[in-house]
């Protein structure tokens, strides 16, 4: 059986709720979000996870928020490594 294909959207940075680093929305093909001005179409998701497929079957869409502390930490990690390497030399 072939995996379902979904449309993938990312919320615009100026529309994110407080404390959220990024937000993602998956919808069925050719069914844009209700407030399309808040979202940027990223592309098609061709191999969704089993959790995404389950939520899509249950709700018809899949919304995920990535907390700001998680996105900030990932962005800061390479700088910390570089600083440690410079200090060691």
PDB file of N, CA and C in Angstrom:
ATOM      1  N   UNK A   1       0.837  -1.191   0.000  1.00  0.00           N
ATOM      2  CA  UNK A   1       0.000   0.000   0.000  1.00  0.00           C
ATOM      3  C   UNK A   1       0.877   1.247   0.000  1.00  0.00           C
ATOM      4  N   UNK A   2       0.494   2.212  -0.771  1.00  0.00           N
ATOM      5  CA  UNK A   2       1.253   3.453  -0.892  1.00  0.00           C
ATOM      6  C   UNK A   2       0.889   4.420   0.220  1.00  0.00           C
ATOM      7  N   UNK A   3       1.884   5.162   0.730  1.00  0.00           N
ATOM      8  CA  UNK A   3       1.619   6.179   1.744  1.00  0.00           C
ATOM      9  C   UNK A   3       0.751   7.290   1.164  1.00  0.00           C
ATOM     10  N   UNK A   4      -0.114   7.885   1.990  1.00  0.00           N
ATOM     11  CA  UNK A   4      -0.895   9.032   1.512  1.00  0.00           C
ATOM     12  C   UNK A   4       0.012  10.247   1.311  1.00  0.00           C
ATOM     13  N   UNK A   5      -0.430  11.186   0.508  1.00  0.00           N
ATOM     14  CA  UNK A   5       0.320  12.422   0.255  1.00  0.00           C
ATOM     15  C   UNK A   5      -0.493  13.573   0.825  1.00  0.00           C
ATOM     16  N   UNK A   6       0.177  14.454   1.574  1.00  0.00           N
ATOM     17  CA  UNK A   6      -0.489  15.599   2.204  1.00  0.00           C
ATOM     18  C   UNK A   6       0.193  16.896   1.785  1.00  0.00           C
ATOM     19  N   UNK A   7      -0.568  17.990   1.826  1.00  0.00           N
ATOM     20  CA  UNK A   7       0.012  19.320   1.642  1.00  0.00           C
ATOM     21  C   UNK A   7       0.602  19.765   2.973  1.00  0.00           C
ATOM     22  N   UNK A   8       1.774  20.394   2.922  1.00  0.00           N
ATOM     23  CA  UNK A   8       2.477  20.819   4.129  1.00  0.00           C
ATOM     24  C   UNK A   8       2.625  22.344   4.132  1.00  0.00           C
ATOM     25  N   UNK A   9       2.226  22.955   5.245  1.00  0.00           N
ATOM     26  CA  UNK A   9       2.291  24.415   5.404  1.00  0.00           C
ATOM     27  C   UNK A   9       3.077  24.763   6.668  1.00  0.00           C
ATOM     28  N   UNK A  10       3.779  25.910   6.629  1.00  0.00           N
ATOM     29  CA  UNK A  10       4.453  26.447   7.809  1.00  0.00           C
ATOM     30  C   UNK A  10       3.837  27.803   8.136  1.00  0.00           C
ATOM     31  N   UNK A  11       3.586  28.034   9.434  1.00  0.00           N
ATOM     32  CA  UNK A  11       2.993  29.308   9.838  1.00  0.00           C
ATOM     33  C   UNK A  11       4.026  30.431   9.683  1.00  0.00           C
ATOM     34  N   UNK A  12       3.564  31.569   9.203  1.00  0.00           N
ATOM     35  CA  UNK A  12       4.443  32.733   9.051  1.00  0.00           C
ATOM     36  C   UNK A  12       4.977  33.154  10.416  1.00  0.00           C
ATOM     37  N   UNK A  13       6.219  33.598  10.453  1.00  0.00           N
ATOM     38  CA  UNK A  13       6.897  33.929  11.720  1.00  0.00           C
ATOM     39  C   UNK A  13       6.162  35.005  12.507  1.00  0.00           C
ATOM     40  N   UNK A  14       5.575  35.988  11.819  1.00  0.00           N
ATOM     41  CA  UNK A  14       4.891  37.070  12.539  1.00  0.00           C
ATOM     42  C   UNK A  14       3.524  36.654  13.077  1.00  0.00           C
ATOM     43  N   UNK A  15       3.055  35.471  12.737  1.00  0.00           N
ATOM     44  CA  UNK A  15       1.752  34.990  13.205  1.00  0.00           C
ATOM     45  C   UNK A  15       1.866  33.914  14.288  1.00  0.00           C
ATOM     46  N   UNK A  16       3.091  33.531  14.645  1.00  0.00           N
ATOM     47  CA  UNK A  16       3.294  32.460  15.631  1.00  0.00           C
ATOM     48  C   UNK A  16       2.809  32.864  17.018  1.00  0.00           C
ATOM     49  N   UNK A  17       2.178  31.945  17.754  1.00  0.00           N
ATOM     50  CA  UNK A  17       1.810  32.230  19.147  1.00  0.00           C
ATOM     51  C   UNK A  17       3.067  32.439  19.996  1.00  0.00           C
ATOM     52  N   UNK A  18       2.930  33.094  21.131  1.00  0.00           N
ATOM     53  CA  UNK A  18       4.069  33.341  22.023  1.00  0.00           C
ATOM     54  C   UNK A  18       4.681  32.020  22.472  1.00  0.00           C
ATOM     55  N   UNK A  19       6.003  31.949  22.447  1.00  0.00           N
ATOM     56  CA  UNK A  19       6.708  30.764  22.910  1.00  0.00           C
ATOM     57  C   UNK A  19       6.834  29.658  21.887  1.00  0.00           C
ATOM     58  N   UNK A  20       6.360  29.893  20.668  1.00  0.00           N
ATOM     59  CA  UNK A  20       6.424  28.868  19.627  1.00  0.00           C
ATOM     60  C   UNK A  20       7.498  29.258  18.619  1.00  0.00           C
ATOM     61  N   UNK A  21       8.404  28.318  18.337  1.00  0.00           N
ATOM     62  CA  UNK A  21       9.474  28.567  17.374  1.00  0.00           C
ATOM     63  C   UNK A  21       9.018  28.389  15.941  1.00  0.00           C
ATOM     64  N   UNK A  22       8.185  27.378  15.698  1.00  0.00           N
ATOM     65  CA  UNK A  22       7.596  27.153  14.381  1.00  0.00           C
ATOM     66  C   UNK A  22       6.345  26.302  14.545  1.00  0.00           C
ATOM     67  N   UNK A  23       5.460  26.409  13.572  1.00  0.00           N
ATOM     68  CA  UNK A  23       4.219  25.637  13.578  1.00  0.00           C
ATOM     69  C   UNK A  23       4.000  25.069  12.183  1.00  0.00           C
ATOM     70  N   UNK A  24       3.564  23.819  12.137  1.00  0.00           N
ATOM     71  CA  UNK A  24       3.391  23.099  10.883  1.00  0.00           C
ATOM     72  C   UNK A  24       1.980  22.553  10.785  1.00  0.00           C
ATOM     73  N   UNK A  25       1.425  22.596   9.583  1.00  0.00           N
ATOM     74  CA  UNK A  25       0.079  22.097   9.346  1.00  0.00           C
ATOM     75  C   UNK A  25       0.081  21.211   8.107  1.00  0.00           C
ATOM     76  N   UNK A  26      -0.505  20.036   8.251  1.00  0.00           N
ATOM     77  CA  UNK A  26      -0.687  19.143   7.114  1.00  0.00           C
ATOM     78  C   UNK A  26      -2.184  19.060   6.830  1.00  0.00           C
ATOM     79  N   UNK A  27      -2.537  19.156   5.550  1.00  0.00           N
ATOM     80  CA  UNK A  27      -3.932  19.039   5.140  1.00  0.00           C
ATOM     81  C   UNK A  27      -4.027  18.032   4.002  1.00  0.00           C
ATOM     82  N   UNK A  28      -5.251  17.622   3.696  1.00  0.00           N
ATOM     83  CA  UNK A  28      -5.441  16.757   2.541  1.00  0.00           C
ATOM     84  C   UNK A  28      -5.135  17.561   1.280  1.00  0.00           C
ATOM     85  N   UNK A  29      -4.801  16.866   0.209  1.00  0.00           N
ATOM     86  CA  UNK A  29      -4.409  17.535  -1.034  1.00  0.00           C
ATOM     87  C   UNK A  29      -5.449  18.548  -1.490  1.00  0.00           C
ATOM     88  N   UNK A  30      -4.958  19.696  -1.910  1.00  0.00           N
ATOM     89  CA  UNK A  30      -5.789  20.770  -2.468  1.00  0.00           C
ATOM     90  C   UNK A  30      -6.872  21.260  -1.514  1.00  0.00           C
ATOM     91  N   UNK A  31      -6.608  21.167  -0.207  1.00  0.00           N
ATOM     92  CA  UNK A  31      -7.512  21.729   0.790  1.00  0.00           C
ATOM     93  C   UNK A  31      -6.709  22.699   1.664  1.00  0.00           C
ATOM     94  N   UNK A  32      -6.575  23.944   1.237  1.00  0.00           N
ATOM     95  CA  UNK A  32      -5.765  24.909   1.994  1.00  0.00           C
ATOM     96  C   UNK A  32      -6.348  25.168   3.382  1.00  0.00           C
ATOM     97  N   UNK A  33      -5.531  25.690   4.295  1.00  0.00           N
ATOM     98  CA  UNK A  33      -6.028  26.001   5.644  1.00  0.00           C
ATOM     99  C   UNK A  33      -7.107  27.075   5.593  1.00  0.00           C
ATOM    100  N   UNK A  34      -7.978  27.107   6.618  1.00  0.00           N
ATOM    101  CA  UNK A  34      -9.069  28.096   6.632  1.00  0.00           C
ATOM    102  C   UNK A  34      -8.576  29.542   6.555  1.00  0.00           C
ATOM    103  N   UNK A  35      -7.493  29.851   7.257  1.00  0.00           N
ATOM    104  CA  UNK A  35      -6.925  31.208   7.220  1.00  0.00           C
ATOM    105  C   UNK A  35      -5.610  31.116   6.448  1.00  0.00           C
ATOM    106  N   UNK A  36      -5.709  31.120   5.142  1.00  0.00           N
ATOM    107  CA  UNK A  36      -4.541  30.899   4.282  1.00  0.00           C
ATOM    108  C   UNK A  36      -3.484  31.990   4.419  1.00  0.00           C
ATOM    109  N   UNK A  37      -3.863  33.199   4.866  1.00  0.00           N
ATOM    110  CA  UNK A  37      -2.893  34.293   5.006  1.00  0.00           C
ATOM    111  C   UNK A  37      -1.869  34.035   6.106  1.00  0.00           C
ATOM    112  N   UNK A  38      -2.159  33.119   7.035  1.00  0.00           N
ATOM    113  CA  UNK A  38      -1.245  32.817   8.133  1.00  0.00           C
ATOM    114  C   UNK A  38      -0.208  31.762   7.769  1.00  0.00           C
ATOM    115  N   UNK A  39      -0.342  31.126   6.627  1.00  0.00           N
ATOM    116  CA  UNK A  39       0.465  29.960   6.292  1.00  0.00           C
ATOM    117  C   UNK A  39       1.216  30.128   4.982  1.00  0.00           C
ATOM    118  N   UNK A  40       2.375  29.461   4.882  1.00  0.00           N
ATOM    119  CA  UNK A  40       3.172  29.415   3.656  1.00  0.00           C
ATOM    120  C   UNK A  40       3.183  27.961   3.186  1.00  0.00           C
ATOM    121  N   UNK A  41       2.807  27.737   1.938  1.00  0.00           N
ATOM    122  CA  UNK A  41       2.832  26.381   1.393  1.00  0.00           C
ATOM    123  C   UNK A  41       4.276  25.952   1.204  1.00  0.00           C
ATOM    124  N   UNK A  42       4.652  24.815   1.796  1.00  0.00           N
ATOM    125  CA  UNK A  42       6.023  24.317   1.709  1.00  0.00           C
ATOM    126  C   UNK A  42       6.154  23.281   0.598  1.00  0.00           C
ATOM    127  N   UNK A  43       5.181  22.385   0.500  1.00  0.00           N
ATOM    128  CA  UNK A  43       5.243  21.353  -0.525  1.00  0.00           C
ATOM    129  C   UNK A  43       4.380  20.166  -0.159  1.00  0.00           C
ATOM    130  N   UNK A  44       4.660  19.052  -0.791  1.00  0.00           N
ATOM    131  CA  UNK A  44       3.918  17.814  -0.556  1.00  0.00           C
ATOM    132  C   UNK A  44       4.726  16.929   0.389  1.00  0.00           C
ATOM    133  N   UNK A  45       4.042  16.340   1.359  1.00  0.00           N
ATOM    134  CA  UNK A  45       4.689  15.360   2.228  1.00  0.00           C
ATOM    135  C   UNK A  45       4.296  13.980   1.712  1.00  0.00           C
ATOM    136  N   UNK A  46       5.268  13.248   1.221  1.00  0.00           N
ATOM    137  CA  UNK A  46       4.984  11.978   0.564  1.00  0.00           C
ATOM    138  C   UNK A  46       5.172  10.759   1.468  1.00  0.00           C
ATOM    139  N   UNK A  47       5.869  10.906   2.580  1.00  0.00           N
ATOM    140  CA  UNK A  47       6.107   9.779   3.484  1.00  0.00           C
ATOM    141  C   UNK A  47       5.820  10.201   4.927  1.00  0.00           C
ATOM    142  N   UNK A  48       4.545  10.411   5.265  1.00  0.00           N
ATOM    143  CA  UNK A  48       4.209  10.854   6.624  1.00  0.00           C
ATOM    144  C   UNK A  48       4.431   9.754   7.659  1.00  0.00           C
ATOM    145  N   UNK A  49       4.646  10.177   8.902  1.00  0.00           N
ATOM    146  CA  UNK A  49       4.834   9.223   9.998  1.00  0.00           C
ATOM    147  C   UNK A  49       3.511   8.545  10.340  1.00  0.00           C
ATOM    148  N   UNK A  50       3.588   7.483  11.112  1.00  0.00           N
ATOM    149  CA  UNK A  50       2.355   6.786  11.509  1.00  0.00           C
ATOM    150  C   UNK A  50       1.496   7.668  12.406  1.00  0.00           C
ATOM    151  N   UNK A  51       2.117   8.571  13.175  1.00  0.00           N
ATOM    152  CA  UNK A  51       1.362   9.487  14.044  1.00  0.00           C
ATOM    153  C   UNK A  51       0.618  10.529  13.202  1.00  0.00           C
ATOM    154  N   UNK A  52       1.292  11.026  12.171  1.00  0.00           N
ATOM    155  CA  UNK A  52       0.647  11.981  11.269  1.00  0.00           C
ATOM    156  C   UNK A  52      -0.533  11.327  10.562  1.00  0.00           C
ATOM    157  N   UNK A  53      -0.343  10.126  10.055  1.00  0.00           N
ATOM    158  CA  UNK A  53      -1.431   9.428   9.362  1.00  0.00           C
ATOM    159  C   UNK A  53      -2.617   9.196  10.290  1.00  0.00           C
ATOM    160  N   UNK A  54      -2.338   8.815  11.555  1.00  0.00           N
ATOM    161  CA  UNK A  54      -3.420   8.575  12.521  1.00  0.00           C
ATOM    162  C   UNK A  54      -4.203   9.854  12.800  1.00  0.00           C
ATOM    163  N   UNK A  55      -3.484  10.973  12.999  1.00  0.00           N
ATOM    164  CA  UNK A  55      -4.163  12.245  13.269  1.00  0.00           C
ATOM    165  C   UNK A  55      -4.943  12.723  12.052  1.00  0.00           C
ATOM    166  N   UNK A  56      -4.401  12.513  10.861  1.00  0.00           N
ATOM    167  CA  UNK A  56      -5.104  12.901   9.644  1.00  0.00           C
ATOM    168  C   UNK A  56      -6.402  12.101   9.496  1.00  0.00           C
ATOM    169  N   UNK A  57      -6.358  10.824   9.825  1.00  0.00           N
ATOM    170  CA  UNK A  57      -7.573  10.001   9.737  1.00  0.00           C
ATOM    171  C   UNK A  57      -8.608  10.444  10.759  1.00  0.00           C
ATOM    172  N   UNK A  58      -8.122  10.820  11.953  1.00  0.00           N
ATOM    173  CA  UNK A  58      -9.034  11.214  13.031  1.00  0.00           C
ATOM    174  C   UNK A  58      -9.633  12.599  12.817  1.00  0.00           C
ATOM    175  N   UNK A  59      -8.769  13.574  12.479  1.00  0.00           N
ATOM    176  CA  UNK A  59      -9.193  14.979  12.435  1.00  0.00           C
ATOM    177  C   UNK A  59      -9.293  15.574  11.038  1.00  0.00           C
ATOM    178  N   UNK A  60      -8.626  14.969  10.066  1.00  0.00           N
ATOM    179  CA  UNK A  60      -8.621  15.535   8.717  1.00  0.00           C
ATOM    180  C   UNK A  60      -7.496  16.531   8.478  1.00  0.00           C
ATOM    181  N   UNK A  61      -6.752  16.870   9.541  1.00  0.00           N
ATOM    182  CA  UNK A  61      -5.567  17.732   9.426  1.00  0.00           C
ATOM    183  C   UNK A  61      -4.625  17.375  10.575  1.00  0.00           C
ATOM    184  N   UNK A  62      -3.401  17.873  10.500  1.00  0.00           N
ATOM    185  CA  UNK A  62      -2.406  17.574  11.529  1.00  0.00           C
ATOM    186  C   UNK A  62      -1.635  18.858  11.828  1.00  0.00           C
ATOM    187  N   UNK A  63      -1.720  19.340  13.061  1.00  0.00           N
ATOM    188  CA  UNK A  63      -1.075  20.595  13.478  1.00  0.00           C
ATOM    189  C   UNK A  63      -0.008  20.276  14.514  1.00  0.00           C
ATOM    190  N   UNK A  64       1.201  20.799  14.314  1.00  0.00           N
ATOM    191  CA  UNK A  64       2.300  20.591  15.257  1.00  0.00           C
ATOM    192  C   UNK A  64       3.001  21.917  15.533  1.00  0.00           C
ATOM    193  N   UNK A  65       3.282  22.148  16.821  1.00  0.00           N
ATOM    194  CA  UNK A  65       4.066  23.320  17.224  1.00  0.00           C
ATOM    195  C   UNK A  65       5.418  22.853  17.741  1.00  0.00           C
ATOM    196  N   UNK A  66       6.469  23.575  17.363  1.00  0.00           N
ATOM    197  CA  UNK A  66       7.810  23.323  17.876  1.00  0.00           C
ATOM    198  C   UNK A  66       8.099  24.472  18.841  1.00  0.00           C
ATOM    199  N   UNK A  67       8.348  24.178  20.132  1.00  0.00           N
ATOM    200  CA  UNK A  67       8.576  25.253  21.110  1.00  0.00           C
ATOM    201  C   UNK A  67       9.798  26.104  20.751  1.00  0.00           C
ATOM    202  N   UNK A  68       9.739  27.362  21.118  1.00  0.00           N
ATOM    203  CA  UNK A  68      10.825  28.292  20.817  1.00  0.00           C
ATOM    204  C   UNK A  68      12.133  27.845  21.470  1.00  0.00           C
ATOM    205  N   UNK A  69      12.067  27.324  22.695  1.00  0.00           N
ATOM    206  CA  UNK A  69      13.304  26.917  23.371  1.00  0.00           C
ATOM    207  C   UNK A  69      14.001  25.790  22.622  1.00  0.00           C
ATOM    208  N   UNK A  70      13.250  24.968  21.934  1.00  0.00           N
ATOM    209  CA  UNK A  70      13.843  23.876  21.184  1.00  0.00           C
ATOM    210  C   UNK A  70      14.508  24.382  19.916  1.00  0.00           C
ATOM    211  N   UNK A  71      13.869  25.287  19.204  1.00  0.00           N
ATOM    212  CA  UNK A  71      14.457  25.816  17.974  1.00  0.00           C
ATOM    213  C   UNK A  71      15.635  26.725  18.281  1.00  0.00           C
ATOM    214  N   UNK A  72      15.569  27.480  19.380  1.00  0.00           N
ATOM    215  CA  UNK A  72      16.668  28.359  19.757  1.00  0.00           C
ATOM    216  C   UNK A  72      17.882  27.543  20.189  1.00  0.00           C
ATOM    217  N   UNK A  73      17.649  26.478  20.921  1.00  0.00           N
ATOM    218  CA  UNK A  73      18.736  25.636  21.403  1.00  0.00           C
ATOM    219  C   UNK A  73      19.485  24.996  20.245  1.00  0.00           C
ATOM    220  N   UNK A  74      18.752  24.525  19.259  1.00  0.00           N
ATOM    221  CA  UNK A  74      19.400  23.918  18.096  1.00  0.00           C
ATOM    222  C   UNK A  74      20.232  24.935  17.338  1.00  0.00           C
ATOM    223  N   UNK A  75      19.727  26.132  17.224  1.00  0.00           N
ATOM    224  CA  UNK A  75      20.462  27.173  16.500  1.00  0.00           C
ATOM    225  C   UNK A  75      21.708  27.584  17.261  1.00  0.00           C
ATOM    226  N   UNK A  76      21.657  27.554  18.594  1.00  0.00           N
ATOM    227  CA  UNK A  76      22.786  27.988  19.408  1.00  0.00           C
ATOM    228  C   UNK A  76      23.831  26.891  19.595  1.00  0.00           C
ATOM    229  N   UNK A  77      23.476  25.643  19.414  1.00  0.00           N
ATOM    230  CA  UNK A  77      24.386  24.531  19.669  1.00  0.00           C
ATOM    231  C   UNK A  77      25.678  24.605  18.856  1.00  0.00           C
ATOM    232  N   UNK A  78      25.644  24.846  17.554  1.00  0.00           N
ATOM    233  CA  UNK A  78      26.905  24.907  16.806  1.00  0.00           C
ATOM    234  C   UNK A  78      27.821  26.024  17.284  1.00  0.00           C
ATOM    235  N   UNK A  79      27.277  27.156  17.720  1.00  0.00           N
ATOM    236  CA  UNK A  79      28.108  28.249  18.217  1.00  0.00           C
ATOM    237  C   UNK A  79      28.835  27.828  19.495  1.00  0.00           C
ATOM    238  N   UNK A  80      28.151  27.112  20.382  1.00  0.00           N
ATOM    239  CA  UNK A  80      28.756  26.672  21.624  1.00  0.00           C
ATOM    240  C   UNK A  80      29.884  25.692  21.349  1.00  0.00           C
ATOM    241  N   UNK A  81      29.712  24.820  20.386  1.00  0.00           N
ATOM    242  CA  UNK A  81      30.741  23.876  20.024  1.00  0.00           C
ATOM    243  C   UNK A  81      31.949  24.599  19.463  1.00  0.00           C
ATOM    244  N   UNK A  82      31.708  25.566  18.597  1.00  0.00           N
ATOM    245  CA  UNK A  82      32.809  26.338  18.017  1.00  0.00           C
ATOM    246  C   UNK A  82      33.563  27.110  19.090  1.00  0.00           C
ATOM    247  N   UNK A  83      32.852  27.695  20.045  1.00  0.00           N
ATOM    248  CA  UNK A  83      33.488  28.438  21.118  1.00  0.00           C
ATOM    249  C   UNK A  83      34.368  27.511  21.956  1.00  0.00           C
ATOM    250  N   UNK A  84      33.890  26.316  22.245  1.00  0.00           N
ATOM    251  CA  UNK A  84      34.644  25.348  23.035  1.00  0.00           C
ATOM    252  C   UNK A  84      35.897  24.911  22.271  1.00  0.00           C
ATOM    253  N   UNK A  85      35.779  24.728  20.973  1.00  0.00           N
ATOM    254  CA  UNK A  85      36.937  24.328  20.160  1.00  0.00           C
ATOM    255  C   UNK A  85      37.978  25.443  20.103  1.00  0.00           C
ATOM    256  N   UNK A  86      37.546  26.684  20.007  1.00  0.00           N
ATOM    257  CA  UNK A  86      38.474  27.815  19.967  1.00  0.00           C
ATOM    258  C   UNK A  86      39.173  27.971  21.320  1.00  0.00           C
ATOM    259  N   UNK A  87      38.436  27.772  22.406  1.00  0.00           N
ATOM    260  CA  UNK A  87      39.029  27.897  23.727  1.00  0.00           C
ATOM    261  C   UNK A  87      40.063  26.810  23.985  1.00  0.00           C
ATOM    262  N   UNK A  88      39.872  25.629  23.425  1.00  0.00           N
ATOM    263  CA  UNK A  88      40.792  24.525  23.631  1.00  0.00           C
ATOM    264  C   UNK A  88      42.098  24.715  22.846  1.00  0.00           C
ATOM    265  N   UNK A  89      42.058  25.500  21.778  1.00  0.00           N
ATOM    266  CA  UNK A  89      43.277  25.658  20.964  1.00  0.00           C
ATOM    267  C   UNK A  89      44.123  26.826  21.360  1.00  0.00           C
TER     268      UNK A  89
END
